[in-house]
């Protein structure tokens, strides 16, 4: 597996008989995909010593981290390219390899700098393994628990054919199980998914219907129950008491005036 990190850099580079030097300021911009590269995109103007002709070149610094699923066998490359490949650092050999006259001279110079070699060795952990773990946690192992809502799609009286909707919202990853007839899950665009499930039924008094959701982010299935409409039992009880009082009052009035 590989991952990419991009750097945007402006630079002025000079080409001389013994070396290539570059001075630059950069802003970091991270992007992740199935590969990991750190790309330095540089606009440069080169000057060839002893020849008064200006030539424009493109300088690239590419950091490439290659690893397996465990990230234990991490391989780290640092590649410098100035119109052609110049130097490559390989973490397996723990040194730079040069290409061409200028590349070999630069590689020998880099390899003689103990502080630079120590930094490259540390970057296997600080850049490669850190970025690989972050990528894995933020994508492959990311989990978001669902929000579940149950409602009737339209008001209906008891005994009338109606449709119950179970909405499962904002969950990740996509795999989910809902124990009613379900529609397809489509991406929200924010790395989460919604799902709406429907059950056609005729509501009956005292009946309850539950929506059961199983998802990797949940320790146990989540059940949301749809039952009696709020306040219906109180309304029925109030009507019963009112009728009883009216009958009682009528009987008392008849008994007093017989």
Protein backbone atom coordinates (compact mmCIF):
# COMPACT_ATOMS: atom_id res chain seq x y z
CA UNK A 1 0.00 0.00 0.00
CA UNK A 2 1.18 3.55 -0.71
CA UNK A 3 0.00 6.96 0.48
CA UNK A 4 0.67 10.46 -0.92
CA UNK A 5 1.40 13.76 0.84
CA UNK A 6 1.85 16.87 -1.30
CA UNK A 7 3.93 19.96 -0.60
CA UNK A 8 3.66 23.13 -2.68
CA UNK A 9 7.03 24.91 -2.83
CA UNK A 10 8.47 27.94 -4.60
CA UNK A 11 12.20 27.79 -5.14
CA UNK A 12 15.20 29.33 -6.83
CA UNK A 13 17.86 26.77 -7.74
CA UNK A 14 21.36 27.25 -9.10
CA UNK A 15 23.32 24.73 -11.14
CA UNK A 16 27.11 24.78 -10.61
CA UNK A 17 30.04 22.56 -11.47
CA UNK A 18 30.04 20.70 -8.14
CA UNK A 19 26.55 20.80 -6.71
CA UNK A 20 22.94 21.82 -7.00
CA UNK A 21 21.65 24.08 -4.23
CA UNK A 22 18.06 25.04 -3.61
CA UNK A 23 16.41 27.52 -1.23
CA UNK A 24 12.67 27.31 -0.73
CA UNK A 25 9.72 28.00 1.50
CA UNK A 26 6.85 25.56 1.51
CA UNK A 27 3.30 25.13 2.70
CA UNK A 28 2.08 21.66 3.55
CA UNK A 29 -1.04 20.20 1.95
CA UNK A 30 -1.97 16.61 2.88
CA UNK A 31 -3.93 14.32 0.60
CA UNK A 32 -4.40 10.59 1.00
CA UNK A 33 -5.15 7.81 -1.47
CA UNK A 34 -3.98 4.25 -2.04
CA UNK A 35 -0.37 5.54 -2.32
CA UNK A 36 1.68 7.82 -0.14
CA UNK A 37 3.95 10.34 -1.79
CA UNK A 38 5.24 13.70 -0.60
CA UNK A 39 5.58 15.79 -3.72
CA UNK A 40 7.48 19.07 -3.85
CA UNK A 41 6.22 21.13 -6.77
CA UNK A 42 8.75 23.90 -7.38
CA UNK A 43 9.06 26.70 -9.89
CA UNK A 44 12.75 27.44 -10.34
CA UNK A 45 15.10 29.50 -12.45
CA UNK A 46 18.55 27.96 -12.96
CA UNK A 47 21.76 29.71 -13.91
CA UNK A 48 24.61 27.80 -15.52
CA UNK A 49 27.94 29.10 -14.20
CA UNK A 50 30.36 30.44 -16.84
CA UNK A 51 27.61 30.40 -19.44
CA UNK A 52 25.37 33.48 -19.43
CA UNK A 53 22.21 31.70 -20.51
CA UNK A 54 19.16 31.29 -18.27
CA UNK A 55 17.33 27.98 -18.49
CA UNK A 56 14.07 27.01 -16.72
CA UNK A 57 13.76 23.58 -15.03
CA UNK A 58 11.32 21.81 -12.75
CA UNK A 59 12.53 20.51 -9.37
CA UNK A 60 10.64 17.73 -7.61
CA UNK A 61 11.17 16.13 -4.23
CA UNK A 62 9.11 12.96 -3.79
CA UNK A 63 8.77 11.10 -0.51
CA UNK A 64 7.38 7.59 -1.05
CA UNK A 65 6.26 5.34 1.83
CA UNK A 66 5.53 1.72 0.91
CA UNK A 67 4.04 -0.66 3.47
CA UNK A 68 1.80 -3.68 3.99
CA UNK A 69 -1.37 -3.94 6.08
CA UNK A 70 0.57 -4.05 9.36
CA UNK A 71 2.95 -1.14 8.53
CA UNK A 72 5.78 -3.22 10.07
CA UNK A 73 7.76 -3.51 6.84
CA UNK A 74 7.85 0.20 6.00
CA UNK A 75 10.08 1.27 3.10
CA UNK A 76 10.91 4.98 2.83
CA UNK A 77 12.24 6.72 -0.30
CA UNK A 78 13.26 10.37 -0.69
CA UNK A 79 13.72 11.25 -4.36
CA UNK A 80 15.21 14.49 -5.72
CA UNK A 81 14.66 15.25 -9.39
CA UNK A 82 15.98 18.29 -11.28
CA UNK A 83 15.18 17.79 -14.93
CA UNK A 84 16.34 14.21 -14.31
CA UNK A 85 16.73 11.86 -11.33
CA UNK A 86 19.53 13.10 -9.06
CA UNK A 87 19.44 11.30 -5.70
CA UNK A 88 17.31 8.67 -3.96
CA UNK A 89 17.39 7.85 -0.25
CA UNK A 90 16.45 4.22 0.51
CA UNK A 91 15.60 3.34 4.12
CA UNK A 92 16.62 -0.28 3.55
CA UNK A 93 20.20 0.76 2.75
CA UNK A 94 19.95 3.85 5.02
CA UNK A 95 21.83 6.02 2.53
CA UNK A 96 21.47 8.13 -0.62
CA UNK A 97 22.27 6.82 -4.09
CA UNK A 98 23.30 9.35 -6.76
CA UNK A 99 22.63 9.36 -10.50
CA UNK A 100 24.92 11.20 -12.86
CA UNK A 101 27.91 13.34 -11.91
CA UNK A 102 26.00 15.92 -9.88
CA UNK A 103 23.73 13.32 -8.27
CA UNK A 104 26.66 11.20 -7.06
CA UNK A 105 28.39 14.26 -5.57
CA UNK A 106 25.23 15.30 -3.77
CA UNK A 107 24.59 11.76 -2.52
CA UNK A 108 28.13 11.52 -1.11
CA UNK A 109 27.66 14.89 0.57
CA UNK A 110 24.31 13.88 2.12
CA UNK A 111 25.67 10.53 3.32
CA UNK A 112 28.53 12.31 5.10
CA UNK A 113 26.06 14.36 7.18
CA UNK A 114 25.23 12.30 10.28
CA UNK A 115 22.42 14.67 11.31
CA UNK A 116 20.70 14.27 7.92
CA UNK A 117 20.94 10.48 8.10
CA UNK A 118 19.45 10.55 11.62
CA UNK A 119 16.53 12.68 10.39
CA UNK A 120 15.83 10.35 7.46
CA UNK A 121 15.85 7.35 9.80
CA UNK A 122 13.43 9.08 12.19
CA UNK A 123 11.10 10.07 9.33
CA UNK A 124 10.21 6.42 8.78
CA UNK A 125 8.25 6.75 12.04
CA UNK A 126 7.32 10.46 12.10
CA UNK A 127 6.16 10.66 8.47
CA UNK A 128 5.45 7.17 7.14
CA UNK A 129 4.06 5.19 10.07
CA UNK A 130 2.27 8.20 11.56
CA UNK A 131 0.57 9.04 8.25
CA UNK A 132 -0.27 5.38 7.60
CA UNK A 133 -1.91 5.03 11.03
CA UNK A 134 -3.82 8.30 10.57
CA UNK A 135 -5.03 7.21 7.13
CA UNK A 136 -6.14 3.82 8.48
CA UNK A 137 -8.01 5.29 11.47
CA UNK A 138 -9.70 8.05 9.46
CA UNK A 139 -10.83 5.82 6.58
CA UNK A 140 -10.48 2.04 6.84
CA UNK A 141 -11.32 1.79 10.58
CA UNK A 142 -13.65 4.80 10.84
CA UNK A 143 -16.99 3.97 12.50
CA UNK A 144 -19.96 6.27 13.16
CA UNK A 145 -23.05 4.92 14.97
CA UNK A 146 -26.44 5.39 13.28
CA UNK A 147 -29.29 7.66 14.33
CA UNK A 148 -32.62 5.80 14.09
CA UNK A 149 -36.05 7.44 13.67
CA UNK A 150 -39.43 5.72 13.21
CA UNK A 151 -42.55 7.51 11.93
CA UNK A 152 -45.69 7.12 9.84
CA UNK A 153 -45.25 8.61 6.40
CA UNK A 154 -48.76 10.12 6.61
CA UNK A 155 -51.46 10.39 9.31
CA UNK A 156 -53.94 7.52 9.36
CA UNK A 157 -56.74 6.13 11.47
CA UNK A 158 -56.73 2.67 13.03
CA UNK A 159 -57.43 -0.03 10.46
CA UNK A 160 -56.41 2.12 7.49
CA UNK A 161 -53.53 1.00 5.31
CA UNK A 162 -50.45 3.06 6.16
CA UNK A 163 -46.68 3.08 5.71
CA UNK A 164 -44.17 3.04 8.54
CA UNK A 165 -40.75 4.55 7.80
CA UNK A 166 -37.61 3.54 9.68
CA UNK A 167 -34.81 6.03 8.94
CA UNK A 168 -31.23 5.05 9.78
CA UNK A 169 -28.99 8.10 9.34
CA UNK A 170 -25.35 9.17 9.41
CA UNK A 171 -23.69 5.78 9.89
CA UNK A 172 -20.33 4.48 8.64
CA UNK A 173 -19.22 2.03 7.28
CA UNK A 174 -21.95 1.21 4.79
CA UNK A 175 -22.72 -2.31 6.01
CA UNK A 176 -25.95 -2.24 8.05
CA UNK A 177 -28.86 -4.59 8.72
CA UNK A 178 -32.43 -3.42 9.32
CA UNK A 179 -35.13 -6.00 10.03
CA UNK A 180 -37.76 -4.57 7.68
CA UNK A 181 -37.90 -4.26 3.90
CA UNK A 182 -35.12 -1.81 3.03
CA UNK A 183 -34.02 0.44 0.22
CA UNK A 184 -30.42 0.73 -1.04
CA UNK A 185 -27.88 2.70 1.00
CA UNK A 186 -26.50 5.73 -0.85
CA UNK A 187 -23.57 7.92 0.21
CA UNK A 188 -24.37 11.29 1.86
CA UNK A 189 -21.26 12.96 0.46
CA UNK A 190 -19.73 13.43 3.95
CA UNK A 191 -18.45 9.87 4.36
CA UNK A 192 -21.65 8.66 5.99
CA UNK A 193 -24.75 6.85 4.74
CA UNK A 194 -28.53 7.11 5.15
CA UNK A 195 -31.03 4.29 4.80
CA UNK A 196 -34.83 4.47 4.78
CA UNK A 197 -36.84 1.28 5.32
CA UNK A 198 -40.59 0.93 4.90
CA UNK A 199 -43.25 -1.41 6.27
CA UNK A 200 -46.81 -1.37 4.91
CA UNK A 201 -49.34 -2.21 7.64
CA UNK A 202 -52.72 -1.32 9.20
CA UNK A 203 -52.27 0.28 12.65
CA UNK A 204 -54.31 -1.36 15.42
CA UNK A 205 -54.98 -0.04 18.92
CA UNK A 206 -52.32 -1.21 21.36
CA UNK A 207 -50.04 -2.41 18.58
CA UNK A 208 -46.31 -1.59 18.64
CA UNK A 209 -43.85 -1.99 15.78
CA UNK A 210 -40.09 -1.92 16.27
CA UNK A 211 -37.21 -1.10 13.94
CA UNK A 212 -34.11 -3.18 14.70
CA UNK A 213 -30.72 -1.94 13.44
CA UNK A 214 -27.43 -3.86 13.50
CA UNK A 215 -24.20 -2.02 12.65
CA UNK A 216 -20.45 -2.54 13.34
CA UNK A 217 -20.38 0.63 15.49
CA UNK A 218 -23.01 -0.79 17.90
CA UNK A 219 -22.19 -3.19 20.76
CA UNK A 220 -25.70 -4.63 20.50
CA UNK A 221 -28.67 -4.20 18.12
CA UNK A 222 -30.46 -0.86 18.45
CA UNK A 223 -34.26 -1.11 18.72
CA UNK A 224 -36.61 1.85 18.27
CA UNK A 225 -40.31 1.16 18.98
CA UNK A 226 -43.29 2.82 17.36
CA UNK A 227 -46.49 2.30 19.38
CA UNK A 228 -49.61 4.11 20.59
CA UNK A 229 -49.93 7.71 19.50
CA UNK A 230 -48.93 10.07 22.35
CA UNK A 231 -51.86 10.97 24.61
CA UNK A 232 -54.36 8.53 23.11
CA UNK A 233 -54.75 6.48 26.29
CA UNK A 234 -55.37 9.67 28.27
CA UNK A 235 -58.00 10.81 25.76
CA UNK A 236 -59.83 7.45 25.95
CA UNK A 237 -59.76 7.50 29.77
CA UNK A 238 -61.03 11.10 29.89
CA UNK A 239 -63.91 10.30 27.54
CA UNK A 240 -64.89 7.25 29.63
CA UNK A 241 -64.94 9.28 32.86
CA UNK A 242 -66.93 12.05 31.20
CA UNK A 243 -69.59 9.64 29.93
CA UNK A 244 -69.82 7.94 33.34
CA UNK A 245 -70.28 11.29 35.12
CA UNK A 246 -72.99 12.35 32.65
CA UNK A 247 -74.92 9.11 33.18
CA UNK A 248 -74.52 9.38 36.95
CA UNK A 249 -75.73 12.97 36.95
CA UNK A 250 -78.78 12.07 34.87
CA UNK A 251 -79.72 9.20 37.20
CA UNK A 252 -79.35 11.45 40.27
CA UNK A 253 -81.49 14.20 38.67
CA UNK A 254 -84.23 11.67 37.77
CA UNK A 255 -84.21 10.22 41.31
CA UNK A 256 -84.56 13.68 42.92
CA UNK A 257 -87.48 14.69 40.73
CA UNK A 258 -89.51 11.50 40.52
